[in-house]
Protein backbone atom coordinates (compact mmCIF):
# COMPACT_ATOMS: atom_id res chain seq x y z
CA MET A 1 88.44 2.63 -86.35
CA ALA A 2 87.70 2.87 -82.52
CA GLY A 3 87.79 -0.36 -80.75
CA PRO A 4 84.74 -1.74 -78.65
CA GLY A 5 86.80 -0.42 -75.20
CA SER A 6 86.43 3.14 -76.89
CA TRP A 7 82.66 3.13 -76.01
CA TRP A 8 83.93 2.21 -72.19
CA GLY A 9 86.63 4.38 -72.47
CA ARG A 10 84.97 7.75 -73.73
CA LYS A 11 82.14 7.51 -70.59
CA SER A 12 83.38 9.19 -67.01
CA THR A 13 83.58 7.39 -63.58
CA PRO A 14 80.15 8.22 -62.77
CA ALA A 15 78.13 7.22 -66.28
CA LYS A 16 80.54 3.62 -65.46
CA VAL A 17 78.94 3.04 -62.30
CA GLU A 18 75.90 3.95 -64.00
CA THR A 19 76.02 1.83 -66.84
CA TYR A 20 77.60 -1.33 -64.27
CA THR A 21 74.60 -0.83 -62.23
CA ARG A 22 71.75 -0.77 -64.78
CA TRP A 23 73.11 -4.20 -66.36
CA SER A 24 73.40 -5.84 -63.05
CA PHE A 25 70.10 -5.60 -62.09
CA HIS A 26 69.01 -6.39 -65.56
CA PHE A 27 70.97 -9.99 -65.08
CA ILE A 28 69.88 -10.23 -61.84
CA ALA A 29 65.96 -10.30 -63.22
CA LEU A 30 67.06 -12.69 -66.34
CA SER A 31 68.17 -14.97 -63.93
CA GLU A 32 64.77 -14.89 -62.35
CA PRO A 33 63.14 -17.56 -65.66
CA THR A 34 66.74 -19.02 -65.64
CA VAL A 35 65.98 -20.71 -61.78
CA VAL A 36 62.48 -21.20 -62.92
CA GLY A 37 63.25 -22.44 -66.26
CA VAL A 38 65.93 -25.11 -65.07
CA THR A 39 63.25 -26.55 -62.36
CA ALA A 40 60.64 -26.74 -64.75
CA PHE A 41 62.40 -28.19 -67.81
CA GLY A 42 63.49 -30.91 -65.74
CA HIS A 43 60.56 -31.86 -63.80
CA MET A 44 57.87 -31.35 -66.12
CA GLU A 45 56.54 -32.22 -69.71
CA ALA A 46 57.80 -29.16 -71.97
CA ARG A 47 54.45 -27.89 -73.27
CA PHE A 48 53.64 -27.76 -69.02
CA ALA A 49 57.15 -26.28 -68.63
CA LEU A 50 56.39 -23.60 -71.51
CA LEU A 51 53.26 -22.65 -70.05
CA VAL A 52 54.60 -21.98 -66.39
CA MET A 53 57.49 -20.10 -67.90
CA ALA A 54 55.09 -17.64 -69.76
CA PRO A 55 54.14 -15.56 -67.12
CA VAL A 56 57.42 -15.66 -65.38
CA THR A 57 58.86 -14.21 -68.59
CA ALA A 58 55.96 -11.52 -68.63
CA HIS A 59 57.11 -10.97 -64.95
CA VAL A 60 60.69 -10.67 -65.75
CA ALA A 61 60.05 -8.30 -68.95
CA LEU A 62 57.96 -6.15 -66.43
CA ALA A 63 61.04 -6.16 -63.35
CA MET A 64 63.49 -5.07 -66.30
CA VAL A 65 61.70 -2.72 -67.63
CA THR A 66 60.79 -0.87 -63.74
CA ALA A 67 64.08 -1.56 -62.81
CA SER A 68 65.56 0.70 -65.57
CA ARG A 69 62.71 3.35 -65.39
CA ALA A 70 63.82 3.64 -61.54
CA LEU A 71 67.40 3.97 -61.88
CA ASP A 72 66.81 7.00 -64.42
CA TRP A 73 64.36 8.20 -61.54
CA THR A 74 67.18 7.58 -59.17
CA VAL A 75 69.71 9.99 -61.33
CA GLY A 76 67.34 12.56 -62.46
CA ARG A 77 66.48 12.23 -65.94
CA ARG A 78 62.55 10.88 -65.10
CA PRO A 79 59.99 11.24 -62.40
CA GLN A 80 59.39 8.11 -60.12
CA PRO A 81 57.57 5.43 -62.08
CA LEU A 82 54.79 5.01 -59.51
CA ARG A 83 52.80 3.07 -62.06
CA LEU A 84 55.27 0.67 -63.02
CA LEU A 85 56.00 -0.08 -59.57
CA TRP A 86 52.44 -0.72 -58.52
CA ALA A 87 52.32 -2.87 -61.95
CA LEU A 88 55.40 -4.35 -60.56
CA GLY A 89 54.38 -5.17 -57.15
CA ALA A 90 50.60 -6.83 -58.38
CA ALA A 91 51.72 -8.43 -60.86
CA THR A 92 54.31 -10.33 -58.34
CA ALA A 93 51.50 -11.12 -55.73
CA VAL A 94 49.32 -12.31 -58.25
CA VAL A 95 52.23 -14.69 -60.44
CA ALA A 96 52.67 -15.82 -56.59
CA VAL A 97 49.38 -16.40 -55.66
CA ALA A 98 48.48 -18.50 -58.86
CA ALA A 99 51.58 -20.53 -58.25
CA VAL A 100 50.80 -21.88 -55.33
CA ALA A 101 47.33 -21.93 -55.84
CA LEU A 102 48.01 -24.42 -59.14
CA GLY A 103 50.33 -26.18 -56.90
CA ARG A 104 47.69 -28.44 -54.96
CA HIS A 105 45.96 -29.67 -58.27
CA GLY A 106 49.63 -31.02 -60.20
CA PRO A 107 48.93 -30.64 -64.01
CA GLY A 108 51.68 -31.46 -66.20
CA GLY A 109 53.33 -34.69 -64.14
CA ALA A 110 52.79 -36.34 -60.95
CA ALA A 111 52.35 -33.47 -58.35
CA GLU A 112 55.17 -33.55 -56.32
CA ASP A 113 57.68 -32.72 -59.09
CA THR A 114 54.53 -29.97 -60.52
CA GLY A 115 55.04 -28.76 -56.82
CA THR A 116 58.89 -28.47 -56.47
CA VAL A 117 58.20 -26.24 -60.11
CA LEU A 118 55.24 -24.33 -58.79
CA GLY A 119 57.68 -23.67 -55.44
CA SER A 120 60.29 -22.49 -57.34
CA VAL A 121 58.05 -19.74 -59.09
CA PHE A 122 56.84 -18.88 -55.83
CA GLY A 123 60.20 -18.26 -54.40
CA ALA A 124 61.63 -16.75 -57.69
CA THR A 125 58.84 -14.42 -58.19
CA LEU A 126 58.37 -13.00 -54.83
CA CYS A 127 62.51 -12.26 -53.69
CA TYR A 128 63.16 -10.70 -57.25
CA GLY A 129 60.02 -8.68 -57.88
CA VAL A 130 60.18 -6.69 -54.00
CA GLY A 131 64.39 -6.37 -54.30
CA LEU A 132 63.66 -5.03 -57.93
CA THR A 133 60.38 -2.98 -56.89
CA ALA A 134 62.93 -1.45 -54.15
CA LEU A 135 64.94 0.36 -56.64
CA GLY A 136 61.94 2.81 -57.21
CA LEU A 137 61.48 3.60 -53.17
CA LYS A 138 63.75 6.16 -51.89
CA ASP A 139 62.58 5.74 -48.20
CA ARG A 140 64.11 3.18 -46.58
CA ARG A 141 61.10 2.57 -44.08
CA ARG A 142 59.24 1.69 -47.13
CA VAL A 143 61.39 -0.43 -48.04
CA VAL A 144 61.40 -2.56 -44.91
CA TRP A 145 57.49 -2.53 -45.15
CA LEU A 146 57.46 -4.05 -48.31
CA VAL A 147 59.38 -6.74 -47.56
CA LEU A 148 57.14 -7.44 -44.35
CA GLY A 149 54.45 -7.37 -46.15
CA PHE A 150 55.32 -9.21 -48.93
CA GLY A 151 57.13 -12.28 -46.22
CA THR A 152 53.69 -11.84 -44.62
CA GLY A 153 51.53 -12.26 -47.05
CA ALA A 154 53.57 -15.18 -48.37
CA GLY A 155 53.14 -16.89 -45.11
CA LEU A 156 49.52 -16.20 -45.00
CA VAL A 157 48.91 -17.58 -48.91
CA ALA A 158 50.93 -20.82 -47.91
CA TRP A 159 48.60 -21.50 -45.11
CA ALA A 160 45.23 -20.59 -46.80
CA VAL A 161 46.18 -23.50 -48.82
CA GLY A 162 46.59 -25.56 -46.03
CA MET A 163 50.56 -25.88 -45.51
CA PRO A 164 51.09 -27.20 -42.55
CA GLY A 165 51.67 -23.85 -39.76
CA LEU A 166 54.99 -24.57 -39.20
CA ALA A 167 55.53 -24.70 -42.56
CA ALA A 168 53.70 -21.30 -43.73
CA LEU A 169 55.98 -19.81 -40.91
CA ALA A 170 59.43 -21.07 -42.78
CA THR A 171 57.95 -19.91 -45.84
CA ALA A 172 57.36 -16.61 -45.10
CA ALA A 173 60.88 -16.22 -43.02
CA PHE A 174 62.50 -17.78 -46.34
CA VAL A 175 60.50 -15.34 -48.38
CA THR A 176 61.40 -12.20 -45.95
CA ALA A 177 64.71 -13.51 -45.76
CA ALA A 178 65.37 -13.61 -49.42
CA SER A 179 63.65 -10.81 -50.45
CA GLY A 180 64.86 -8.56 -48.26
CA PHE A 181 68.34 -9.11 -49.71
CA PHE A 182 67.74 -8.39 -52.82
CA ALA A 183 65.96 -5.13 -51.36
CA ALA A 184 69.07 -3.99 -49.68
CA THR A 185 71.17 -4.91 -52.34
CA SER A 186 68.93 -2.79 -54.63
CA ALA A 187 69.31 0.12 -51.75
CA PHE A 188 73.07 -0.17 -51.58
CA SER A 189 73.36 0.12 -55.05
CA ILE A 190 71.28 3.35 -54.95
CA TRP A 191 73.38 4.22 -52.16
CA LEU A 192 76.73 4.07 -53.79
CA LEU A 193 75.02 5.26 -57.28
CA ASN A 194 73.92 8.33 -55.58
CA ALA A 195 77.34 9.07 -53.54
CA VAL A 196 79.69 8.75 -56.93
CA TYR A 197 77.34 11.16 -58.68
CA ALA A 198 77.92 13.16 -55.27
CA LEU A 199 81.52 12.77 -55.85
CA ASP A 200 81.87 13.56 -58.77
CA GLU A 201 79.53 17.06 -58.56
CA ALA A 202 81.80 18.30 -55.77
CA ARG A 203 85.03 17.18 -57.52
CA GLU A 204 83.78 19.31 -60.79
CA THR A 205 83.36 22.32 -57.81
CA ARG A 206 86.75 21.79 -57.07
CA THR A 207 88.07 21.97 -60.35
CA ARG A 208 86.42 24.98 -60.64
CA LEU A 209 87.32 26.96 -57.23
CA ALA A 210 91.04 25.78 -58.62
CA VAL A 211 90.30 27.91 -62.00
CA ALA A 212 88.62 30.72 -59.93
CA GLU A 213 91.94 31.02 -57.82
CA GLU A 214 94.01 30.79 -60.57
CA ARG A 215 92.06 33.95 -61.72
CA LEU A 216 92.36 35.78 -58.91
CA ARG A 217 95.94 35.14 -59.08
CA PHE A 218 96.50 36.61 -62.47
CA GLY A 219 93.88 39.51 -61.16
CA ARG A 220 96.34 40.22 -58.01
CA ASP A 221 99.33 40.50 -60.63
CA LEU A 222 97.60 43.00 -62.93
CA HIS A 223 96.80 45.06 -59.61
CA ASP A 224 99.99 44.39 -58.45
CA VAL A 225 101.42 45.76 -62.23
CA MET A 226 99.49 48.35 -62.20
CA GLY A 227 97.81 50.07 -59.29
CA ARG A 228 101.41 51.60 -58.23
CA ASN A 229 102.12 52.94 -62.00
CA LEU A 230 98.79 54.40 -62.14
CA ALA A 231 98.94 56.05 -58.77
CA VAL A 232 102.56 57.42 -59.66
CA ILE A 233 100.99 58.69 -63.05
CA ALA A 234 98.16 60.46 -61.23
CA LEU A 235 100.41 62.12 -59.03
CA LYS A 236 102.69 62.94 -61.29
CA SER A 237 100.17 64.37 -63.97
CA GLU A 238 98.26 66.86 -60.83
CA LEU A 239 101.89 68.07 -60.39
CA ALA A 240 102.65 68.29 -64.17
CA VAL A 241 98.81 70.63 -64.62
CA GLN A 242 100.02 72.64 -61.66
CA LEU A 243 103.39 73.54 -62.50
CA ALA A 244 102.25 74.29 -66.33
CA ARG A 245 99.18 76.73 -64.72
CA ARG A 246 102.60 78.37 -63.05
CA GLU A 247 103.86 78.20 -66.75
CA ARG A 248 106.92 76.30 -64.71
CA PRO A 249 109.54 74.56 -67.70
CA GLU A 250 109.21 71.30 -65.30
CA ALA A 251 105.83 70.65 -66.26
CA VAL A 252 107.59 69.23 -69.73
CA GLU A 253 109.72 67.10 -67.69
CA GLN A 254 106.92 65.62 -65.37
CA MET A 255 104.67 64.86 -69.12
CA ILE A 256 107.73 63.13 -70.27
CA GLU A 257 108.01 61.31 -66.89
CA VAL A 258 104.20 60.09 -67.54
CA GLN A 259 105.03 58.74 -71.02
CA ARG A 260 107.86 56.81 -69.99
CA ILE A 261 105.65 55.42 -66.79
CA ALA A 262 102.99 54.53 -69.03
CA GLN A 263 104.43 53.07 -71.98
CA GLU A 264 106.36 50.75 -69.46
CA SER A 265 102.97 49.92 -67.69
CA GLN A 266 101.84 49.04 -71.28
CA ARG A 267 104.74 46.46 -71.86
CA GLU A 268 104.49 45.04 -68.14
CA VAL A 269 100.57 44.48 -68.57
CA ARG A 270 101.41 42.91 -72.39
CA GLU A 271 103.69 40.63 -70.45
CA VAL A 272 100.97 39.59 -68.23
CA VAL A 273 98.23 39.50 -70.72
CA ARG A 274 100.64 37.35 -72.45
CA GLY A 275 102.44 35.69 -70.02
CA TYR A 276 105.58 36.06 -70.83
CA ARG A 277 106.37 37.39 -67.56
CA ARG A 278 108.76 35.27 -66.18
CA ALA A 279 107.49 31.99 -64.02
CA ASP A 280 109.11 30.09 -61.05
CA LEU A 281 109.56 26.43 -62.03
CA GLU A 282 109.55 25.93 -58.15
CA ALA A 283 106.25 27.56 -57.79
CA GLU A 284 104.63 26.61 -60.40
CA LEU A 285 105.37 23.31 -59.34
CA HIS A 286 104.47 23.62 -55.89
CA GLY A 287 100.80 25.22 -57.11
CA ALA A 288 100.18 22.47 -60.06
CA ARG A 289 100.76 20.20 -56.99
CA GLY A 290 97.95 22.37 -55.16
CA VAL A 291 95.28 22.91 -58.03
CA LEU A 292 95.72 19.24 -58.76
CA ARG A 293 95.20 17.36 -55.37
CA ALA A 294 92.19 20.31 -55.36
CA ALA A 295 90.47 18.51 -58.28
CA GLY A 296 90.51 14.87 -56.54
CA ILE A 297 93.58 14.30 -58.83
CA ASP A 298 96.36 12.56 -57.00
CA CYS A 299 99.63 14.34 -57.91
CA GLU A 300 103.64 13.51 -57.17
CA VAL A 301 106.48 15.85 -57.76
CA GLY A 302 110.40 15.13 -58.29
CA GLY A 303 113.36 15.63 -59.04
CA GLU A 304 115.60 18.91 -58.27
CA THR A 305 114.74 22.81 -59.38
CA GLY A 306 117.61 24.87 -57.64
CA GLY A 307 120.16 26.78 -59.34
CA LEU A 308 118.65 26.66 -62.62
CA PRO A 309 119.07 29.86 -64.71
CA ALA A 310 115.82 32.39 -64.98
CA GLU A 311 115.41 31.56 -68.52
CA VAL A 312 115.05 27.71 -68.27
CA GLN A 313 112.63 28.13 -65.30
CA SER A 314 110.72 30.39 -66.72
CA ALA A 315 110.00 28.44 -69.41
CA LEU A 316 109.48 25.25 -67.99
CA GLY A 317 107.54 27.26 -65.35
CA TRP A 318 104.97 27.85 -68.38
CA VAL A 319 104.65 23.40 -69.96
CA VAL A 320 103.91 22.81 -65.95
CA ARG A 321 100.97 25.64 -66.03
CA GLU A 322 99.97 24.63 -69.35
CA ALA A 323 100.26 20.73 -68.54
CA THR A 324 98.52 21.12 -65.17
CA THR A 325 95.45 22.60 -67.47
CA ASN A 326 95.32 20.00 -69.57
CA VAL A 327 95.19 17.30 -67.26
CA LEU A 328 92.25 19.17 -65.36
CA ARG A 329 90.61 19.72 -68.82
CA HIS A 330 90.69 16.22 -70.80
CA GLY A 331 90.17 12.46 -70.09
CA ASP A 332 89.71 11.52 -66.48
CA ALA A 333 93.27 11.74 -64.74
CA LYS A 334 93.11 10.19 -61.54
CA LYS A 335 96.85 10.24 -60.67
CA CYS A 336 99.64 12.64 -62.18
CA THR A 337 103.86 12.62 -61.79
CA VAL A 338 105.93 15.61 -62.55
CA THR A 339 109.59 15.17 -62.82
CA VAL A 340 112.49 16.91 -63.54
CA ARG A 341 115.53 15.61 -64.01
CA ARG A 342 118.98 16.88 -65.04
CA PRO A 343 120.87 14.85 -67.69
CA GLU A 344 124.67 16.65 -68.39
CA GLY A 345 123.60 20.04 -69.99
CA ARG A 346 119.81 19.64 -70.57
CA VAL A 347 116.89 19.61 -68.27
CA VAL A 348 114.45 17.31 -68.58
CA LEU A 349 110.67 17.78 -67.42
CA THR A 350 108.06 15.27 -67.87
CA VAL A 351 104.68 15.20 -66.92
CA ARG A 352 102.53 11.99 -67.18
CA ASN A 353 99.03 11.72 -66.23
CA ASP A 354 96.56 8.34 -66.33
CA GLY A 355 92.82 8.42 -68.23
CA ALA A 356 93.60 9.90 -71.27
CA THR A 357 90.95 9.19 -73.39
CA ALA A 358 92.27 11.27 -76.03
CA PRO A 359 95.32 12.89 -76.65
CA HIS A 360 95.63 16.50 -75.23
CA GLY A 361 95.37 18.41 -79.04
CA SER A 362 94.67 15.18 -80.51
CA SER A 363 97.76 14.54 -82.08
CA ARG A 364 101.73 15.02 -81.02
CA THR A 365 101.21 18.15 -82.84
CA GLY A 366 98.66 19.37 -80.51
CA GLY A 367 96.19 22.40 -79.99
CA THR A 368 97.02 26.02 -79.57
CA GLY A 369 98.08 25.45 -75.92
CA LEU A 370 100.97 23.21 -77.26
CA ALA A 371 101.60 25.56 -80.13
CA GLY A 372 102.32 28.13 -78.08
CA LEU A 373 104.92 25.85 -75.62
CA ARG A 374 106.36 25.21 -78.31
CA GLU A 375 107.29 28.56 -78.98
CA ARG A 376 108.73 29.36 -75.56
CA LEU A 377 110.88 26.21 -76.02
CA SER A 378 112.41 27.43 -79.17
CA ALA A 379 112.95 30.81 -77.98
CA VAL A 380 115.64 28.95 -75.53
CA GLY A 381 116.73 25.97 -77.57
CA GLY A 382 114.27 23.54 -75.98
CA THR A 383 112.22 20.79 -77.66
CA LEU A 384 108.61 19.67 -76.38
CA ASP A 385 107.45 16.21 -77.38
CA ALA A 386 103.36 15.15 -76.07
CA GLY A 387 100.86 12.10 -76.91
CA GLU A 388 99.73 8.96 -75.27
CA ALA A 389 102.22 6.99 -74.20
CA GLY A 390 100.13 3.67 -74.25
CA GLU A 391 97.69 1.91 -71.83
CA GLY A 392 95.26 5.33 -71.47
CA GLU A 393 98.46 7.02 -70.23
CA TYR A 394 99.33 10.56 -71.88
CA ARG A 395 103.10 11.73 -71.58
CA LEU A 396 104.43 15.42 -72.22
CA VAL A 397 108.40 15.61 -72.03
CA ALA A 398 109.96 19.25 -72.21
CA GLU A 399 113.78 19.09 -72.77
CA VAL A 400 115.54 22.45 -72.78
CA PRO A 401 119.92 23.02 -71.95
CA LEU A 402 121.48 24.45 -69.15
CA THR A 403 123.03 27.30 -71.40
CA ALA A 404 119.51 28.19 -72.71
CA ARG A 405 119.84 31.71 -74.70
CA PRO A 406 117.42 34.75 -73.51
CA ALA A 407 114.13 34.40 -74.96
CA LEU A 408 113.15 37.27 -77.61
CA GLU A 409 110.13 39.89 -76.01
CA VAL A 410 107.06 39.30 -78.57
CA VAL A 411 105.73 42.78 -78.80
CA SER A 412 102.47 43.74 -80.69
């Protein structure tokens, strides 16, 4: 049975950042009733404290819904929640003004205690409301005007209900600074979330470019195989036609040569398509490092590859190629290491990568790619072991004896 961590492990990096950002703002919103509740139940009777908490709780619920919809808009899942933004702004203003107005009458106990509670409602509602409203604004100048507007309004309301001018000014400064801090936090969080998604999209683009480059390389190989042979076939066929028209016996020899070149071309194309063309291990290691780094994966290659038999290099070269493909396609790797060791009488190639949320092929038996590698290695007396190595790491180990017997060519 999958553990609780599997839900988190299956998420991509941008999805993890989005989940973290979303729940961070939910917890920030929930801290508003916590702050007000501690003050209210500490300074007022329970029934009056509950009355104070009712509008605060409603304000928090509206703020959480607005924040969630604003984040959906940020990542392109919903339109901008303009109605919710206006509703949250209006609710913030209404609750804050009502708290200041009721503070002058002091219901539910001593006026000083009541003023303290309603003052906390006033400050918390404004600061949290403005900060969470900023999530739904893309233009940062509007965020600045939002903060300044609510800060100025807080000072004017405080002065209007009888607060001294200096105290009203201090109130405006406090609301502006605190709400500005929350708004800046919201703006930075949105910027960071967008940056993570942009980086992930760029990484996918680099991966596609790397795959396209590999396809171009395959196309060049096929062109190299067929280009010269087809040109020779065309020339010899034309020569055979001319000789046949002159009834020269050499025409038969030319057509026999055309037949031989065509058969040779068929064999070479089969080798390219089926992958039985020899692969140079050093070239494959260099290519794997370039492809993985282009995909944003840190790749380290170590070990000595010089002097290996051609059969060993070819078999291990295909292991490197398949392992590189697996790292690109599976999991969420950030680092990959490829090492070549040469214990006595054998060569051991090890590929390790992190971010293995699921095995490459779902088991040590593996999929068709790993099955094909086992066939290649068994042809030279080698073995392959692949699977999770713990803590999100995937490991592939190929071992080939240095006295590898030549691989048998597979024909259709």
